[in-house]
Amino acid sequence: GGVGGTYVAPSQPTQTASASQDLLPPEARRARCRKEKRVHDAVHGQILLPPLCVAIVDTRQFQRMRKLKQLGTAELVYPSATHTRFEHSLGVAHKAAKVAREIKEAQPDLGIDDVDILCVQIAGLVHDLGHGPFSHQFETFLKRLAKSLPESDPMKKQLDGWRHEDNSVRMFRYLLEENKIDVSLPRKSSRKAPALALTETDLIFIEEAIMGTKAPDRKGRPPEKHFLYEIVNNIESGLDVDKLDYLQRDMDRALGRKDATFERLSLAARVCSVPANPAAQDSRDWKNLSLSQQPAGLSEEGAEEVRMVLCYPEKQAGEAMEVFGHRNSMHDKVYQHRKVLAMDEMVTDALLFAFEIKIGVSDQQGNCLKSTSIAEAALDPAAFTSLDDSVLDLIRCSTLNTPGMRRARALLARLASRDLYADAGSLFIEPDNHVCT
C-alpha cells in the first residue's frame, strides 16, 4: 500500500538488486543485513556497535574468544577472574571509538572523520583475535616447541617468530574472507549517520594499528594522522585503551576493585605536535605551547621536523603514573602470582607433552575437513578457529596412550588437585651476573 491509497509498484532496479542478493551465499547475506547493536558490558555499561563491527562479532573466528580466559590460569587462584578475551575486545573497541570521537569534537581542525573512528574501533575490536589458548602462555609453548625441533624442520623458524599481533592480522583477513564480509559495502549506523565503507588503505591502517607499526613504515594514514595509531596500541608511551581496559577489567574481576576507571584520563587525551627528534629540540618551549599555536597537520617541509602524538594535561600526570602503578601492582598480585606462574608452567609442559594431539578443522556448516596438530593450527587460520582453552579438555579426555599423552594427562590431574610445581626460589638477574649467559 502507498500514501493516500495510492499503490506504488517497486521499480525494476529494486527487483534486480533483490535478485542479485538472493544469489549471494547465506553468510554474505547475513553480513549485509547486520544492524547496529547495543551490548551491555559489566565494566562500561551500554556499548554501541556499528553494523560492520556487528558483522565481525557474529563470526566463528570472533566468538572463539568467548573460550579464551583473559587471565588464563589465574582463575584457579582468583575464582571470579573468569572474564574472557571476548568481553575485553568489546571494551577496547568501545573506548577506542569514544576517545577518537572526543578528540574529533575537541580538535576539529585535525580532520578526523567517521571512517577514521570506525577503523580505530575495528582495530580495538580485533586486536586480540590471534591469541591462542591461555593467551601469552601459548607463545611460550610455541617458542619452547621450536627449540626442540631440528634446524631442518621448516616449522622451526615460523613457530619461534610467532606473535599474537601478527596472527591477529592474519585472522582478521581470514575472518573477512571466510564470512564474505565486504567492507567496501556502505553501511549506515543510524538514520542521521552517513553510510560508511572501507578501502584497502583503511584495512592496512587497521592492521598497522594492531601490530604497532613504527612511524616510518606506516602506510594506512599520513603523518598528520599518526596519532590515531596510539589510541589502541601506543608504542610510544604504552598508555592506550587496550591497557586501560584490561587493567580496569582485571582489577574489577580478580580483586573486586571498582575504583580504577581511568575515564577522566582517557577522555582528556589531546593531539599535540612535538619534535620528531627530541635531541634536536630548539629553545622553543614545546611543553607549554598552547594547542592554538600548534599546527593541526604537517606540511611537506615540516614532516621531518614535528610529529603528531597523543598528549595529556600536565595536571593529570599523576593519574597517568597511577596507570603504570596499577599495572605493577597487578603483576605482583595477579599476573605473576607464584601459584599462577606454577600453573602456567604446568599447562605449558602439558601442551609440550601432548603436541601430537589433533585438532579438528570444520567448515561453516560444521563438516570436518581435516585434523592438525596444535603447532600446525597456530599457522593455519582455519584450524586456529577451533583452538581455544578447551584444548586441555581434549588432552584430558584423549584415548591416546603414548608416553607423552600419559605425562600430559598426569600433569592435568595434578593441576586439578592443586599438586603444583614447587617454588624453588628466585634470582635477581643483573648485567654482570653470568648465570643468565
Protein backbone atom coordinates (compact mmCIF):
# COMPACT_ATOMS: atom_id res chain seq x y z
CA GLY A 1 0.00 0.00 0.00
CA GLY A 2 1.14 3.56 -0.62
CA VAL A 3 0.33 7.01 0.78
CA GLY A 4 -3.28 8.24 0.37
CA GLY A 5 -4.44 4.94 -1.04
CA THR A 6 -2.03 5.12 -3.95
CA TYR A 7 -0.10 1.94 -4.68
CA VAL A 8 3.50 2.44 -5.79
CA ALA A 9 4.92 -0.51 -7.69
CA PRO A 10 8.56 -1.39 -6.93
CA SER A 11 10.99 -0.22 -9.59
CA GLN A 12 12.92 -2.65 -11.77
CA PRO A 13 16.34 -1.83 -10.20
CA THR A 14 14.96 -2.82 -6.79
CA GLN A 15 13.89 -6.19 -8.14
CA THR A 16 17.27 -6.68 -9.77
CA ALA A 17 19.11 -5.81 -6.54
CA SER A 18 16.91 -8.20 -4.60
CA ALA A 19 17.50 -10.96 -7.13
CA SER A 20 21.25 -10.39 -7.06
CA GLN A 21 21.26 -10.54 -3.27
CA ASP A 22 19.46 -13.89 -3.39
CA LEU A 23 22.42 -15.24 -5.35
CA LEU A 24 24.83 -14.39 -2.51
CA PRO A 25 25.96 -17.12 -0.09
CA PRO A 26 23.95 -17.17 3.18
CA GLU A 27 26.87 -15.80 5.24
CA ALA A 28 27.28 -12.87 2.82
CA ARG A 29 23.56 -12.03 3.00
CA ARG A 30 23.68 -12.13 6.81
CA ALA A 31 26.75 -9.86 6.88
CA ARG A 32 24.96 -7.31 4.66
CA CYS A 33 21.82 -7.30 6.81
CA ARG A 34 23.56 -6.58 10.13
CA LYS A 35 22.30 -3.51 12.00
CA GLU A 36 23.90 -1.58 14.84
CA LYS A 37 23.59 -3.28 18.20
CA ARG A 38 23.74 -2.28 21.84
CA VAL A 39 25.53 -4.62 24.23
CA HIS A 40 25.63 -4.28 27.99
CA ASP A 41 29.13 -4.60 29.40
CA ALA A 42 29.77 -5.17 33.12
CA VAL A 43 32.55 -2.56 33.11
CA HIS A 44 31.49 0.14 30.63
CA GLY A 45 27.71 -0.24 30.62
CA GLN A 46 25.98 0.20 27.27
CA ILE A 47 28.25 -0.33 24.24
CA LEU A 48 27.05 0.64 20.77
CA LEU A 49 28.46 -1.42 17.90
CA PRO A 50 28.09 -0.18 14.30
CA PRO A 51 26.88 -2.65 11.62
CA LEU A 52 30.35 -3.64 10.38
CA CYS A 53 31.50 -4.38 13.93
CA VAL A 54 28.37 -6.48 14.50
CA ALA A 55 29.12 -8.44 11.32
CA ILE A 56 32.65 -9.12 12.62
CA VAL A 57 31.44 -10.13 16.10
CA ASP A 58 28.88 -12.59 14.67
CA THR A 59 31.52 -14.91 13.22
CA ARG A 60 33.10 -18.14 14.47
CA GLN A 61 36.53 -16.51 14.49
CA PHE A 62 35.44 -13.75 16.88
CA GLN A 63 33.10 -15.89 19.00
CA ARG A 64 36.08 -18.18 19.61
CA MET A 65 37.35 -15.59 22.10
CA ARG A 66 34.48 -16.47 24.43
CA LYS A 67 36.55 -19.57 25.22
CA LEU A 68 39.79 -17.71 25.90
CA LYS A 69 40.15 -16.65 29.53
CA GLN A 70 41.66 -13.20 29.79
CA LEU A 71 43.88 -14.18 32.73
CA GLY A 72 44.49 -17.82 31.83
CA THR A 73 45.15 -19.96 34.88
CA ALA A 74 44.69 -17.02 37.30
CA GLU A 75 41.05 -18.05 37.75
CA LEU A 76 42.36 -21.04 39.74
CA VAL A 77 43.76 -18.57 42.27
CA TYR A 78 41.14 -15.80 41.90
CA PRO A 79 37.85 -17.67 41.30
CA SER A 80 35.97 -14.63 39.98
CA ALA A 81 38.58 -13.87 37.28
CA THR A 82 36.65 -15.80 34.65
CA HIS A 83 36.29 -12.96 32.12
CA THR A 84 37.32 -13.57 28.53
CA ARG A 85 39.11 -12.01 25.59
CA PHE A 86 35.66 -11.60 24.03
CA GLU A 87 34.41 -9.02 26.52
CA HIS A 88 37.81 -7.32 26.70
CA SER A 89 37.77 -6.84 22.93
CA LEU A 90 34.32 -5.27 23.06
CA GLY A 91 35.56 -2.94 25.80
CA VAL A 92 38.64 -1.86 23.85
CA ALA A 93 36.52 -1.16 20.76
CA HIS A 94 34.17 0.96 22.86
CA LYS A 95 36.92 3.00 24.50
CA ALA A 96 38.83 3.45 21.23
CA ALA A 97 35.79 4.94 19.48
CA LYS A 98 34.99 7.08 22.50
CA VAL A 99 38.49 8.58 22.67
CA ALA A 100 38.58 9.21 18.90
CA ARG A 101 35.20 10.99 18.99
CA GLU A 102 36.28 13.11 21.96
CA ILE A 103 39.40 14.27 20.09
CA LYS A 104 37.37 14.93 16.94
CA GLU A 105 34.96 17.21 18.83
CA ALA A 106 37.69 19.00 20.78
CA GLN A 107 40.05 19.46 17.80
CA PRO A 108 38.01 19.61 14.59
CA ASP A 109 40.98 21.01 12.64
CA LEU A 110 42.68 17.61 12.83
CA GLY A 111 40.36 16.32 10.12
CA ILE A 112 39.28 13.15 11.94
CA ASP A 113 36.34 11.66 10.03
CA ASP A 114 33.84 8.89 10.73
CA VAL A 115 35.88 6.37 8.75
CA ASP A 116 38.91 7.07 10.97
CA ILE A 117 36.78 6.42 14.05
CA LEU A 118 35.35 3.20 12.59
CA CYS A 119 38.85 1.95 11.71
CA VAL A 120 40.14 2.64 15.22
CA GLN A 121 37.09 0.91 16.68
CA ILE A 122 37.62 -2.19 14.50
CA ALA A 123 41.32 -2.27 15.42
CA GLY A 124 40.33 -2.35 19.08
CA LEU A 125 37.72 -5.00 18.36
CA VAL A 126 40.01 -7.48 16.60
CA HIS A 127 43.36 -6.72 18.24
CA ASP A 128 43.26 -9.99 20.24
CA LEU A 129 41.88 -12.31 17.54
CA GLY A 130 45.28 -14.01 17.28
CA HIS A 131 45.67 -15.07 20.91
CA GLY A 132 45.98 -18.81 21.42
CA PRO A 133 44.89 -20.95 24.38
CA PHE A 134 45.91 -19.37 27.70
CA SER A 135 46.94 -16.23 25.82
CA HIS A 136 50.59 -15.28 26.28
CA GLN A 137 51.47 -18.72 27.63
CA PHE A 138 50.68 -20.14 24.21
CA GLU A 139 53.51 -18.08 22.72
CA THR A 140 55.86 -19.50 25.36
CA PHE A 141 54.74 -23.00 24.37
CA LEU A 142 55.43 -22.37 20.67
CA LYS A 143 58.89 -20.95 21.33
CA ARG A 144 59.87 -23.93 23.51
CA LEU A 145 58.49 -26.33 20.92
CA ALA A 146 60.50 -24.56 18.22
CA LYS A 147 63.70 -25.04 20.23
CA SER A 148 63.08 -28.79 20.36
CA LEU A 149 62.69 -29.07 16.58
CA PRO A 150 65.68 -29.82 14.33
CA GLU A 151 67.11 -27.00 12.22
CA SER A 152 65.90 -28.77 9.08
CA ASP A 153 62.24 -28.54 10.17
CA PRO A 154 60.54 -25.71 8.19
CA MET A 155 58.19 -25.01 11.12
CA LYS A 156 61.03 -24.14 13.49
CA LYS A 157 61.52 -20.57 12.29
CA GLN A 158 57.80 -19.92 11.91
CA LEU A 159 56.99 -21.05 15.45
CA ASP A 160 59.94 -19.24 17.01
CA GLY A 161 58.90 -15.92 15.46
CA TRP A 162 55.18 -16.37 16.13
CA ARG A 163 53.49 -13.26 17.61
CA HIS A 164 49.84 -12.94 18.53
CA GLU A 165 49.72 -9.46 16.94
CA ASP A 166 50.76 -10.84 13.56
CA ASN A 167 48.31 -13.69 13.98
CA SER A 168 45.52 -11.23 14.81
CA VAL A 169 46.07 -9.56 11.43
CA ARG A 170 46.11 -12.95 9.70
CA MET A 171 42.89 -13.99 11.46
CA PHE A 172 41.23 -10.64 10.66
CA ARG A 173 41.83 -11.08 6.94
CA TYR A 174 40.68 -14.69 7.13
CA LEU A 175 37.53 -13.66 9.04
CA LEU A 176 36.54 -11.18 6.32
CA GLU A 177 37.20 -13.67 3.53
CA GLU A 178 35.63 -16.73 5.17
CA ASN A 179 32.44 -14.89 6.12
CA LYS A 180 32.14 -12.93 2.86
CA ILE A 181 32.17 -9.58 4.68
CA ASP A 182 32.52 -6.87 2.03
CA VAL A 183 33.96 -3.84 3.84
CA SER A 184 33.55 -1.72 0.69
CA LEU A 185 29.77 -2.00 1.03
CA PRO A 186 28.39 1.23 2.59
CA ARG A 187 26.65 0.58 5.92
CA LYS A 188 24.54 3.08 7.90
CA SER A 189 24.73 3.04 11.68
CA SER A 190 21.66 5.22 12.13
CA ARG A 191 19.34 7.47 10.18
CA LYS A 192 21.42 10.55 10.96
CA ALA A 193 24.84 8.99 10.38
CA PRO A 194 26.29 8.69 6.87
CA ALA A 195 26.83 5.28 5.29
CA LEU A 196 30.43 4.18 5.78
CA ALA A 197 32.59 1.95 3.58
CA LEU A 198 36.24 0.98 3.96
CA THR A 199 39.01 0.79 1.40
CA GLU A 200 42.12 -1.39 1.22
CA THR A 201 44.09 1.52 2.70
CA ASP A 202 41.73 1.52 5.68
CA LEU A 203 42.32 -2.21 6.20
CA ILE A 204 46.08 -1.60 6.10
CA PHE A 205 45.63 1.10 8.76
CA ILE A 206 43.68 -1.30 10.98
CA GLU A 207 46.38 -3.95 10.63
CA GLU A 208 49.20 -1.48 11.33
CA ALA A 209 47.36 -0.20 14.42
CA ILE A 210 47.10 -3.78 15.73
CA MET A 211 50.77 -4.64 15.10
CA GLY A 212 52.19 -1.40 16.44
CA THR A 213 53.91 -0.46 13.18
CA LYS A 214 56.61 2.17 13.58
CA ALA A 215 56.08 5.60 12.02
CA PRO A 216 58.47 5.27 9.02
CA ASP A 217 56.70 2.07 7.89
CA ARG A 218 53.10 3.26 8.21
CA LYS A 219 51.05 3.32 5.00
CA GLY A 220 47.47 3.36 6.26
CA ARG A 221 47.40 7.01 7.33
CA PRO A 222 49.53 10.09 6.50
CA PRO A 223 51.90 11.60 9.11
CA GLU A 224 49.36 14.22 10.22
CA LYS A 225 47.10 11.40 11.41
CA HIS A 226 49.73 9.17 13.01
CA PHE A 227 48.27 9.96 16.43
CA LEU A 228 45.39 7.61 15.56
CA TYR A 229 47.78 4.66 15.84
CA GLU A 230 48.38 5.48 19.51
CA ILE A 231 44.77 5.04 20.61
CA VAL A 232 44.73 1.22 20.57
CA ASN A 233 48.42 0.26 20.67
CA ASN A 234 50.65 3.10 21.82
CA ILE A 235 54.24 2.06 21.11
CA GLU A 236 55.45 5.50 22.25
CA SER A 237 54.23 5.65 25.86
CA GLY A 238 52.31 2.41 26.39
CA LEU A 239 49.30 4.46 27.52
CA ASP A 240 46.49 3.17 25.30
CA VAL A 241 42.88 1.99 25.60
CA ASP A 242 43.93 -1.67 25.46
CA LYS A 243 45.90 -1.25 28.67
CA LEU A 244 43.23 0.92 30.30
CA ASP A 245 40.50 -1.63 29.61
CA TYR A 246 42.35 -4.75 30.70
CA LEU A 247 43.61 -3.11 33.89
CA GLN A 248 40.16 -1.85 34.85
CA ARG A 249 38.54 -5.18 33.94
CA ASP A 250 41.20 -7.35 35.61
CA MET A 251 41.17 -5.31 38.82
CA ASP A 252 37.39 -5.47 38.92
CA ARG A 253 37.02 -9.19 38.22
CA ALA A 254 40.09 -10.53 40.06
CA LEU A 255 40.31 -8.19 43.05
CA GLY A 256 36.82 -6.69 43.19
CA ARG A 257 38.21 -3.17 42.83
CA LYS A 258 35.85 -0.80 41.04
CA ASP A 259 37.59 2.48 41.89
CA ALA A 260 40.02 2.48 38.93
CA THR A 261 38.01 3.62 35.89
CA PHE A 262 40.59 5.81 34.05
CA GLU A 263 37.65 7.55 32.33
CA ARG A 264 38.79 11.08 33.13
CA LEU A 265 42.31 10.38 31.89
CA SER A 266 41.32 8.70 28.61
CA LEU A 267 38.87 11.46 27.64
CA ALA A 268 41.46 14.16 28.38
CA ALA A 269 43.75 12.98 25.57
CA ARG A 270 44.56 15.66 23.01
CA VAL A 271 46.81 15.79 19.95
CA CYS A 272 49.92 17.94 20.05
CA SER A 273 52.86 18.41 17.72
CA VAL A 274 56.25 17.59 19.22
CA PRO A 275 59.78 17.48 17.77
CA ALA A 276 60.31 14.39 15.64
CA ASN A 277 63.82 14.22 17.06
CA PRO A 278 63.85 15.28 20.74
CA ALA A 279 67.64 15.62 20.63
CA ALA A 280 67.28 18.34 18.03
CA GLN A 281 64.79 20.37 20.07
CA ASP A 282 65.48 24.10 19.93
CA SER A 283 64.76 26.74 22.54
CA ARG A 284 61.06 26.74 21.67
CA ASP A 285 59.00 25.67 24.71
CA TRP A 286 57.06 22.75 23.23
CA LYS A 287 55.77 21.66 26.63
CA ASN A 288 53.89 24.91 27.24
CA LEU A 289 52.91 25.59 23.63
CA SER A 290 49.13 26.09 23.54
CA LEU A 291 47.01 23.97 21.26
CA SER A 292 46.01 27.06 19.26
CA GLN A 293 49.67 27.72 18.44
CA GLN A 294 50.39 24.19 17.30
CA PRO A 295 49.93 23.09 13.69
CA ALA A 296 46.94 20.80 13.14
CA GLY A 297 48.72 18.98 10.33
CA LEU A 298 52.16 18.55 8.83
CA SER A 299 53.35 20.21 5.68
CA GLU A 300 55.75 18.52 3.29
CA GLU A 301 58.54 20.69 4.68
CA GLY A 302 57.61 20.05 8.30
CA ALA A 303 57.02 16.32 8.06
CA GLU A 304 60.56 15.58 9.26
CA GLU A 305 60.51 18.25 11.98
CA VAL A 306 57.42 17.51 14.04
CA ARG A 307 55.10 14.61 14.67
CA MET A 308 51.52 14.46 15.91
CA VAL A 309 51.12 12.49 19.14
CA LEU A 310 48.58 11.91 21.90
CA CYS A 311 49.28 14.03 24.98
CA TYR A 312 47.62 14.60 28.33
CA PRO A 313 47.23 17.72 30.52
CA GLU A 314 50.11 18.25 32.89
CA LYS A 315 47.69 18.29 35.83
CA GLN A 316 46.88 14.64 35.07
CA ALA A 317 50.48 13.44 35.08
CA GLY A 318 49.81 11.79 38.44
CA GLU A 319 46.84 9.87 37.04
CA ALA A 320 48.94 8.67 34.12
CA MET A 321 51.58 7.41 36.53
CA GLU A 322 48.87 5.66 38.55
CA VAL A 323 48.02 3.56 35.49
CA PHE A 324 51.51 2.07 35.50
CA GLY A 325 51.41 1.79 39.27
CA HIS A 326 48.25 -0.30 38.97
CA ARG A 327 49.90 -2.38 36.28
CA ASN A 328 52.90 -3.07 38.52
CA SER A 329 50.57 -3.97 41.37
CA MET A 330 48.58 -6.38 39.15
CA HIS A 331 51.78 -8.09 38.03
CA ASP A 332 52.77 -8.53 41.66
CA LYS A 333 49.37 -9.69 42.94
CA VAL A 334 47.81 -11.48 39.97
CA TYR A 335 49.73 -11.85 36.70
CA GLN A 336 52.92 -13.14 38.34
CA HIS A 337 51.47 -14.63 41.49
CA ARG A 338 53.74 -17.56 42.35
CA LYS A 339 50.89 -20.10 42.12
CA VAL A 340 49.75 -18.66 38.78
CA LEU A 341 53.29 -18.96 37.41
CA ALA A 342 53.49 -22.56 38.62
CA MET A 343 50.21 -23.44 36.90
CA ASP A 344 51.29 -21.64 33.72
CA GLU A 345 54.40 -23.82 33.62
CA MET A 346 52.34 -26.96 34.13
CA VAL A 347 49.96 -26.02 31.28
CA THR A 348 52.92 -25.29 29.01
CA ASP A 349 54.52 -28.65 29.83
CA ALA A 350 51.21 -30.45 29.25
CA LEU A 351 50.92 -28.87 25.80
CA LEU A 352 54.52 -29.84 25.01
CA PHE A 353 53.92 -33.45 26.05
CA ALA A 354 50.67 -33.56 24.06
CA PHE A 355 51.98 -31.84 20.93
CA GLU A 356 50.86 -34.84 18.84
CA ILE A 357 47.16 -34.47 19.66
CA LYS A 358 44.99 -33.44 16.70
CA ILE A 359 42.58 -30.51 16.37
CA GLY A 360 39.55 -30.99 14.12
CA VAL A 361 39.05 -28.37 11.39
CA SER A 362 35.47 -27.79 10.21
CA ASP A 363 33.75 -25.51 7.71
CA GLN A 364 30.87 -23.08 8.26
CA GLN A 365 28.35 -25.93 8.12
CA GLY A 366 30.21 -27.98 10.73
CA ASN A 367 31.64 -30.55 8.31
CA CYS A 368 35.01 -31.88 9.46
CA LEU A 369 37.60 -31.16 6.77
CA LYS A 370 40.87 -32.30 8.33
CA SER A 371 42.82 -32.57 11.57
CA THR A 372 46.05 -30.82 12.53
CA SER A 373 48.45 -30.71 15.45
CA ILE A 374 48.41 -27.79 17.90
CA ALA A 375 51.55 -26.33 16.33
CA GLU A 376 50.16 -26.65 12.80
CA ALA A 377 46.93 -24.97 13.93
CA ALA A 378 48.93 -21.93 15.04
CA LEU A 379 49.94 -21.39 11.41
CA ASP A 380 46.59 -22.22 9.81
CA PRO A 381 43.70 -19.72 10.32
CA ALA A 382 41.05 -22.35 9.57
CA ALA A 383 42.44 -24.69 12.23
CA PHE A 384 43.17 -21.85 14.64
CA THR A 385 39.44 -21.07 14.68
CA SER A 386 38.94 -24.34 16.60
CA LEU A 387 41.84 -23.81 19.01
CA ASP A 388 40.92 -22.39 22.43
CA ASP A 389 41.28 -23.13 26.15
CA SER A 390 39.23 -26.32 25.74
CA VAL A 391 42.35 -27.97 24.30
CA LEU A 392 43.10 -29.10 27.87
CA ASP A 393 39.78 -30.98 27.95
CA LEU A 394 40.75 -32.55 24.64
CA ILE A 395 44.01 -33.76 26.18
CA ARG A 396 42.33 -34.88 29.39
CA CYS A 397 39.72 -36.97 27.53
CA SER A 398 42.04 -38.30 24.84
CA THR A 399 42.31 -42.07 24.43
CA LEU A 400 45.84 -41.83 23.01
CA ASN A 401 48.15 -43.85 25.23
CA THR A 402 51.57 -42.63 24.13
CA PRO A 403 54.17 -41.73 26.78
CA GLY A 404 53.75 -38.02 26.04
CA MET A 405 49.96 -38.13 26.38
CA ARG A 406 50.18 -40.08 29.62
CA ARG A 407 52.55 -37.45 31.08
CA ALA A 408 50.26 -34.65 29.85
CA ARG A 409 47.19 -36.20 31.47
CA ALA A 410 49.12 -36.80 34.69
CA LEU A 411 50.07 -33.10 34.80
CA LEU A 412 46.47 -32.03 34.27
CA ALA A 413 45.40 -34.40 37.07
CA ARG A 414 47.96 -32.74 39.35
CA LEU A 415 46.66 -29.35 38.30
CA ALA A 416 43.09 -30.33 39.17
CA SER A 417 44.14 -31.49 42.64
CA ARG A 418 46.42 -28.45 43.08
CA ASP A 419 49.51 -30.57 43.36
CA LEU A 420 51.54 -27.77 41.80
CA TYR A 421 55.17 -27.33 40.86
CA ALA A 422 57.18 -26.21 43.89
CA ASP A 423 58.68 -22.73 44.02
CA ALA A 424 62.46 -23.23 44.06
CA GLY A 425 63.15 -19.57 44.82
CA SER A 426 64.11 -16.58 42.72
CA LEU A 427 67.27 -14.93 41.46
CA PHE A 428 67.68 -11.25 40.64
CA ILE A 429 69.40 -11.05 37.25
CA GLU A 430 71.93 -8.23 36.85
CA PRO A 431 74.09 -7.33 33.80
CA ASP A 432 77.23 -8.69 35.46
CA ASN A 433 75.53 -11.88 36.62
CA HIS A 434 76.91 -14.68 34.43
CA VAL A 435 74.16 -17.11 35.45
CA CYS A 436 72.00 -15.80 32.62
CA THR A 437 74.61 -16.40 29.90
